[in-house]
Amino acid sequence: MMKKPVYRALGALSVALGLVGVFLPIMPTTPFLILAAYFFGRSHPEWEEKLLAHPTFGPLIIAWRERGAIPLLAKWLATAMLAVSSAGSGWYLSDGWRYLPAVISVVVLAWMWSRPSR
């Protein structure tokens, strides 16, 4: 079926974006690896198992799958990064766009803090 190659490609792309996130602080890593596990679960179970067995990211993926949990440290780091980004955007953007990053950040943070921590 045509879905498997598409899911496999999307899984590989998600892993690549997650790897970029390891080195760039503006890119998240774990959400892309959670997405990769989803795609590999539908196309390549062996690769999904490798992600789930990873000592660092495996427990995070499993916690998300089982309870929708986001670690407390990740919540605090995301809050700090979004605050800095919103403040910087407010400083540099024109009046029409100045508050948009802050509004988006508040919505994202409200959702994220509503999730269980572990």
N, C-alpha and C. Protein backbone atom coordinates (compact mmCIF):
# COMPACT_ATOMS: atom_id res chain seq x y z
N MET A 1 0.83 -1.18 0.00
CA MET A 1 0.00 0.00 0.00
C MET A 1 0.89 1.25 0.00
N MET A 2 0.39 2.31 -0.51
CA MET A 2 1.16 3.54 -0.68
C MET A 2 1.41 4.28 0.63
N LYS A 3 0.64 3.98 1.67
CA LYS A 3 0.80 4.70 2.93
C LYS A 3 2.13 4.42 3.61
N LYS A 4 2.60 3.18 3.56
CA LYS A 4 3.82 2.82 4.27
C LYS A 4 5.02 3.66 3.85
N PRO A 5 5.29 3.81 2.55
CA PRO A 5 6.44 4.65 2.18
C PRO A 5 6.28 6.11 2.62
N VAL A 6 5.06 6.60 2.57
CA VAL A 6 4.82 7.99 2.99
C VAL A 6 5.06 8.11 4.50
N TYR A 7 4.52 7.17 5.29
CA TYR A 7 4.74 7.20 6.73
C TYR A 7 6.22 7.05 7.06
N ARG A 8 6.90 6.19 6.34
CA ARG A 8 8.33 5.98 6.58
C ARG A 8 9.11 7.26 6.28
N ALA A 9 8.77 7.92 5.17
CA ALA A 9 9.44 9.17 4.81
C ALA A 9 9.15 10.26 5.85
N LEU A 10 7.90 10.34 6.29
CA LEU A 10 7.56 11.34 7.31
C LEU A 10 8.25 11.04 8.63
N GLY A 11 8.40 9.77 8.96
CA GLY A 11 9.14 9.39 10.16
C GLY A 11 10.60 9.79 10.07
N ALA A 12 11.21 9.54 8.91
CA ALA A 12 12.61 9.91 8.72
C ALA A 12 12.78 11.43 8.78
N LEU A 13 11.86 12.16 8.17
CA LEU A 13 11.90 13.62 8.22
C LEU A 13 11.76 14.10 9.66
N SER A 14 10.87 13.49 10.41
CA SER A 14 10.68 13.88 11.81
C SER A 14 11.94 13.62 12.64
N VAL A 15 12.60 12.50 12.40
CA VAL A 15 13.86 12.22 13.10
C VAL A 15 14.91 13.26 12.73
N ALA A 16 14.99 13.60 11.45
CA ALA A 16 15.96 14.60 11.01
C ALA A 16 15.70 15.95 11.68
N LEU A 17 14.43 16.36 11.73
CA LEU A 17 14.10 17.62 12.40
C LEU A 17 14.40 17.54 13.90
N GLY A 18 14.15 16.39 14.49
CA GLY A 18 14.49 16.21 15.90
C GLY A 18 15.99 16.31 16.15
N LEU A 19 16.79 15.78 15.23
CA LEU A 19 18.24 15.88 15.36
C LEU A 19 18.71 17.32 15.23
N VAL A 20 18.07 18.08 14.35
CA VAL A 20 18.39 19.51 14.25
C VAL A 20 18.11 20.18 15.59
N GLY A 21 17.00 19.78 16.22
CA GLY A 21 16.63 20.36 17.51
C GLY A 21 17.62 20.07 18.62
N VAL A 22 18.40 19.01 18.49
CA VAL A 22 19.43 18.72 19.49
C VAL A 22 20.47 19.83 19.51
N PHE A 23 20.75 20.41 18.34
CA PHE A 23 21.82 21.40 18.22
C PHE A 23 21.33 22.84 18.16
N LEU A 24 20.07 23.06 17.81
CA LEU A 24 19.52 24.41 17.74
C LEU A 24 18.50 24.60 18.86
N PRO A 25 18.74 25.55 19.75
CA PRO A 25 17.82 25.72 20.87
C PRO A 25 16.43 26.20 20.47
N ILE A 26 16.26 26.71 19.26
CA ILE A 26 14.94 27.18 18.86
C ILE A 26 14.06 26.06 18.31
N MET A 27 14.63 24.89 18.10
CA MET A 27 13.88 23.75 17.56
C MET A 27 13.66 22.71 18.65
N PRO A 28 12.42 22.26 18.82
CA PRO A 28 12.19 21.21 19.81
C PRO A 28 12.65 19.85 19.26
N THR A 29 13.09 18.99 20.13
CA THR A 29 13.54 17.66 19.72
C THR A 29 12.46 16.62 19.97
N THR A 30 12.00 16.54 21.21
CA THR A 30 11.10 15.47 21.61
C THR A 30 9.80 15.42 20.81
N PRO A 31 9.13 16.55 20.53
CA PRO A 31 7.89 16.45 19.75
C PRO A 31 8.10 15.82 18.37
N PHE A 32 9.23 16.10 17.76
CA PHE A 32 9.50 15.49 16.45
C PHE A 32 9.76 13.99 16.59
N LEU A 33 10.40 13.58 17.69
CA LEU A 33 10.65 12.15 17.89
C LEU A 33 9.36 11.42 18.26
N ILE A 34 8.45 12.09 18.97
CA ILE A 34 7.13 11.50 19.24
C ILE A 34 6.40 11.29 17.92
N LEU A 35 6.48 12.27 17.05
CA LEU A 35 5.85 12.17 15.74
C LEU A 35 6.50 11.06 14.91
N ALA A 36 7.82 10.96 14.98
CA ALA A 36 8.52 9.90 14.25
C ALA A 36 8.08 8.52 14.74
N ALA A 37 7.94 8.37 16.06
CA ALA A 37 7.49 7.08 16.61
C ALA A 37 6.09 6.75 16.09
N TYR A 38 5.24 7.75 15.99
CA TYR A 38 3.90 7.54 15.45
C TYR A 38 3.98 7.03 14.01
N PHE A 39 4.74 7.71 13.18
CA PHE A 39 4.85 7.30 11.78
C PHE A 39 5.52 5.94 11.62
N PHE A 40 6.57 5.70 12.39
CA PHE A 40 7.25 4.41 12.29
C PHE A 40 6.38 3.28 12.83
N GLY A 41 5.51 3.58 13.78
CA GLY A 41 4.59 2.56 14.29
C GLY A 41 3.64 2.06 13.22
N ARG A 42 3.42 2.88 12.20
CA ARG A 42 2.53 2.51 11.10
C ARG A 42 3.26 2.05 9.85
N SER A 43 4.60 2.12 9.88
CA SER A 43 5.33 1.77 8.68
C SER A 43 6.55 0.88 8.91
N HIS A 44 7.20 1.02 10.05
CA HIS A 44 8.44 0.29 10.29
C HIS A 44 8.59 0.05 11.80
N PRO A 45 7.93 -1.00 12.32
CA PRO A 45 7.94 -1.26 13.78
C PRO A 45 9.33 -1.40 14.40
N GLU A 46 10.29 -1.86 13.62
CA GLU A 46 11.66 -1.99 14.17
C GLU A 46 12.23 -0.63 14.51
N TRP A 47 12.00 0.35 13.68
CA TRP A 47 12.50 1.71 13.94
C TRP A 47 11.74 2.34 15.11
N GLU A 48 10.45 2.05 15.19
CA GLU A 48 9.68 2.53 16.33
C GLU A 48 10.27 1.97 17.62
N GLU A 49 10.59 0.69 17.64
CA GLU A 49 11.18 0.07 18.83
C GLU A 49 12.52 0.70 19.19
N LYS A 50 13.31 1.07 18.19
CA LYS A 50 14.59 1.73 18.47
C LYS A 50 14.37 3.07 19.16
N LEU A 51 13.37 3.81 18.69
CA LEU A 51 13.07 5.08 19.35
C LEU A 51 12.59 4.86 20.78
N LEU A 52 11.70 3.88 20.97
CA LEU A 52 11.17 3.62 22.31
C LEU A 52 12.24 3.08 23.26
N ALA A 53 13.25 2.43 22.73
CA ALA A 53 14.33 1.88 23.56
C ALA A 53 15.45 2.89 23.82
N HIS A 54 15.40 4.06 23.18
CA HIS A 54 16.45 5.05 23.38
C HIS A 54 16.47 5.48 24.85
N PRO A 55 17.65 5.51 25.47
CA PRO A 55 17.71 5.79 26.91
C PRO A 55 17.23 7.20 27.30
N THR A 56 17.40 8.16 26.43
CA THR A 56 16.99 9.53 26.76
C THR A 56 15.58 9.83 26.29
N PHE A 57 15.30 9.54 25.04
CA PHE A 57 14.03 9.96 24.45
C PHE A 57 12.93 8.90 24.58
N GLY A 58 13.30 7.65 24.72
CA GLY A 58 12.30 6.58 24.84
C GLY A 58 11.31 6.81 25.97
N PRO A 59 11.79 7.08 27.20
CA PRO A 59 10.84 7.31 28.30
C PRO A 59 9.91 8.51 28.07
N LEU A 60 10.42 9.54 27.40
CA LEU A 60 9.58 10.71 27.12
C LEU A 60 8.48 10.37 26.12
N ILE A 61 8.82 9.58 25.11
CA ILE A 61 7.84 9.17 24.11
C ILE A 61 6.77 8.28 24.75
N ILE A 62 7.22 7.35 25.58
CA ILE A 62 6.29 6.44 26.25
C ILE A 62 5.38 7.20 27.21
N ALA A 63 5.94 8.16 27.96
CA ALA A 63 5.12 8.97 28.89
C ALA A 63 4.06 9.76 28.13
N TRP A 64 4.43 10.27 26.96
CA TRP A 64 3.45 11.00 26.15
C TRP A 64 2.36 10.07 25.66
N ARG A 65 2.74 8.91 25.18
CA ARG A 65 1.76 7.96 24.65
C ARG A 65 0.81 7.46 25.74
N GLU A 66 1.33 7.17 26.90
CA GLU A 66 0.51 6.57 27.95
C GLU A 66 -0.34 7.58 28.71
N ARG A 67 0.21 8.77 28.97
CA ARG A 67 -0.49 9.72 29.83
C ARG A 67 -0.57 11.13 29.26
N GLY A 68 0.01 11.36 28.08
CA GLY A 68 0.05 12.72 27.55
C GLY A 68 0.91 13.62 28.42
N ALA A 69 1.92 13.03 29.06
CA ALA A 69 2.73 13.75 30.04
C ALA A 69 3.88 14.50 29.38
N ILE A 70 4.15 15.68 29.94
CA ILE A 70 5.30 16.51 29.54
C ILE A 70 6.11 16.75 30.81
N PRO A 71 7.41 16.43 30.81
CA PRO A 71 8.21 16.60 32.03
C PRO A 71 8.20 18.06 32.52
N LEU A 72 8.24 18.21 33.83
CA LEU A 72 8.21 19.53 34.45
C LEU A 72 9.37 20.41 33.97
N LEU A 73 10.54 19.85 33.84
CA LEU A 73 11.70 20.62 33.37
C LEU A 73 11.44 21.15 31.95
N ALA A 74 10.85 20.33 31.11
CA ALA A 74 10.54 20.76 29.75
C ALA A 74 9.53 21.91 29.76
N LYS A 75 8.58 21.84 30.67
CA LYS A 75 7.59 22.92 30.77
C LYS A 75 8.26 24.22 31.18
N TRP A 76 9.15 24.16 32.16
CA TRP A 76 9.83 25.37 32.61
C TRP A 76 10.75 25.93 31.53
N LEU A 77 11.47 25.06 30.86
CA LEU A 77 12.35 25.53 29.78
C LEU A 77 11.55 26.15 28.64
N ALA A 78 10.45 25.53 28.28
CA ALA A 78 9.60 26.09 27.22
C ALA A 78 9.02 27.43 27.64
N THR A 79 8.63 27.54 28.89
CA THR A 79 8.09 28.81 29.39
C THR A 79 9.15 29.91 29.29
N ALA A 80 10.36 29.60 29.73
CA ALA A 80 11.44 30.59 29.67
C ALA A 80 11.75 30.99 28.22
N MET A 81 11.85 30.00 27.34
CA MET A 81 12.19 30.28 25.94
C MET A 81 11.08 31.10 25.26
N LEU A 82 9.83 30.75 25.52
CA LEU A 82 8.73 31.50 24.92
C LEU A 82 8.65 32.92 25.48
N ALA A 83 8.97 33.10 26.75
CA ALA A 83 8.97 34.44 27.33
C ALA A 83 10.05 35.31 26.69
N VAL A 84 11.24 34.74 26.54
CA VAL A 84 12.33 35.49 25.91
C VAL A 84 11.99 35.80 24.45
N SER A 85 11.45 34.82 23.75
CA SER A 85 11.09 35.03 22.34
C SER A 85 9.99 36.08 22.19
N SER A 86 9.00 36.02 23.05
CA SER A 86 7.90 36.99 22.99
C SER A 86 8.40 38.40 23.30
N ALA A 87 9.27 38.51 24.30
CA ALA A 87 9.81 39.82 24.65
C ALA A 87 10.65 40.37 23.50
N GLY A 88 11.49 39.52 22.93
CA GLY A 88 12.30 39.96 21.79
C GLY A 88 11.45 40.36 20.60
N SER A 89 10.42 39.59 20.34
CA SER A 89 9.53 39.91 19.23
C SER A 89 8.80 41.22 19.48
N GLY A 90 8.39 41.44 20.72
CA GLY A 90 7.71 42.68 21.08
C GLY A 90 8.61 43.90 20.89
N TRP A 91 9.88 43.69 21.06
CA TRP A 91 10.84 44.77 20.91
C TRP A 91 11.09 45.10 19.43
N TYR A 92 11.14 44.07 18.59
CA TYR A 92 11.55 44.27 17.20
C TYR A 92 10.41 44.38 16.19
N LEU A 93 9.26 43.83 16.50
CA LEU A 93 8.17 43.84 15.53
C LEU A 93 7.41 45.16 15.54
N SER A 94 6.76 45.45 14.43
CA SER A 94 5.97 46.68 14.34
C SER A 94 4.70 46.55 15.18
N ASP A 95 4.02 47.67 15.40
CA ASP A 95 2.85 47.69 16.28
C ASP A 95 1.78 46.67 15.90
N GLY A 96 1.55 46.45 14.62
CA GLY A 96 0.52 45.53 14.19
C GLY A 96 0.80 44.07 14.55
N TRP A 97 2.07 43.73 14.71
CA TRP A 97 2.47 42.34 14.98
C TRP A 97 3.08 42.13 16.35
N ARG A 98 3.29 43.18 17.07
CA ARG A 98 4.04 43.14 18.33
C ARG A 98 3.50 42.14 19.35
N TYR A 99 2.19 42.01 19.46
CA TYR A 99 1.60 41.18 20.52
C TYR A 99 1.26 39.76 20.07
N LEU A 100 1.33 39.49 18.80
CA LEU A 100 0.98 38.16 18.29
C LEU A 100 1.83 37.04 18.90
N PRO A 101 3.16 37.16 18.95
CA PRO A 101 3.94 36.07 19.58
C PRO A 101 3.56 35.83 21.04
N ALA A 102 3.27 36.89 21.77
CA ALA A 102 2.88 36.72 23.18
C ALA A 102 1.54 36.00 23.30
N VAL A 103 0.60 36.34 22.43
CA VAL A 103 -0.71 35.69 22.46
C VAL A 103 -0.57 34.20 22.14
N ILE A 104 0.19 33.91 21.10
CA ILE A 104 0.42 32.50 20.73
C ILE A 104 1.12 31.77 21.87
N SER A 105 2.10 32.40 22.49
CA SER A 105 2.83 31.78 23.60
C SER A 105 1.91 31.47 24.77
N VAL A 106 1.02 32.39 25.09
CA VAL A 106 0.09 32.17 26.20
C VAL A 106 -0.82 30.97 25.91
N VAL A 107 -1.31 30.88 24.69
CA VAL A 107 -2.17 29.75 24.32
C VAL A 107 -1.40 28.43 24.42
N VAL A 108 -0.18 28.40 23.86
CA VAL A 108 0.64 27.19 23.90
C VAL A 108 0.97 26.81 25.34
N LEU A 109 1.35 27.79 26.14
CA LEU A 109 1.72 27.50 27.52
C LEU A 109 0.52 27.05 28.35
N ALA A 110 -0.64 27.63 28.10
CA ALA A 110 -1.84 27.19 28.82
C ALA A 110 -2.13 25.73 28.53
N TRP A 111 -2.02 25.35 27.26
CA TRP A 111 -2.23 23.94 26.91
C TRP A 111 -1.16 23.06 27.55
N MET A 112 0.10 23.48 27.41
CA MET A 112 1.20 22.66 27.90
C MET A 112 1.13 22.45 29.42
N TRP A 113 0.82 23.50 30.17
CA TRP A 113 0.75 23.38 31.63
C TRP A 113 -0.48 22.62 32.08
N SER A 114 -1.46 22.42 31.17
CA SER A 114 -2.62 21.61 31.53
C SER A 114 -2.33 20.11 31.44
N ARG A 115 -1.24 19.75 30.81
CA ARG A 115 -0.85 18.35 30.67
C ARG A 115 -0.20 17.86 31.96
N PRO A 116 -0.32 16.56 32.27
CA PRO A 116 0.37 16.02 33.45
C PRO A 116 1.89 16.09 33.27
N SER A 117 2.60 16.12 34.39
CA SER A 117 4.06 16.23 34.32
C SER A 117 4.75 14.86 34.31
N ARG A 118 4.19 13.88 34.93
CA ARG A 118 4.79 12.53 34.90
C ARG A 118 3.77 11.51 35.29
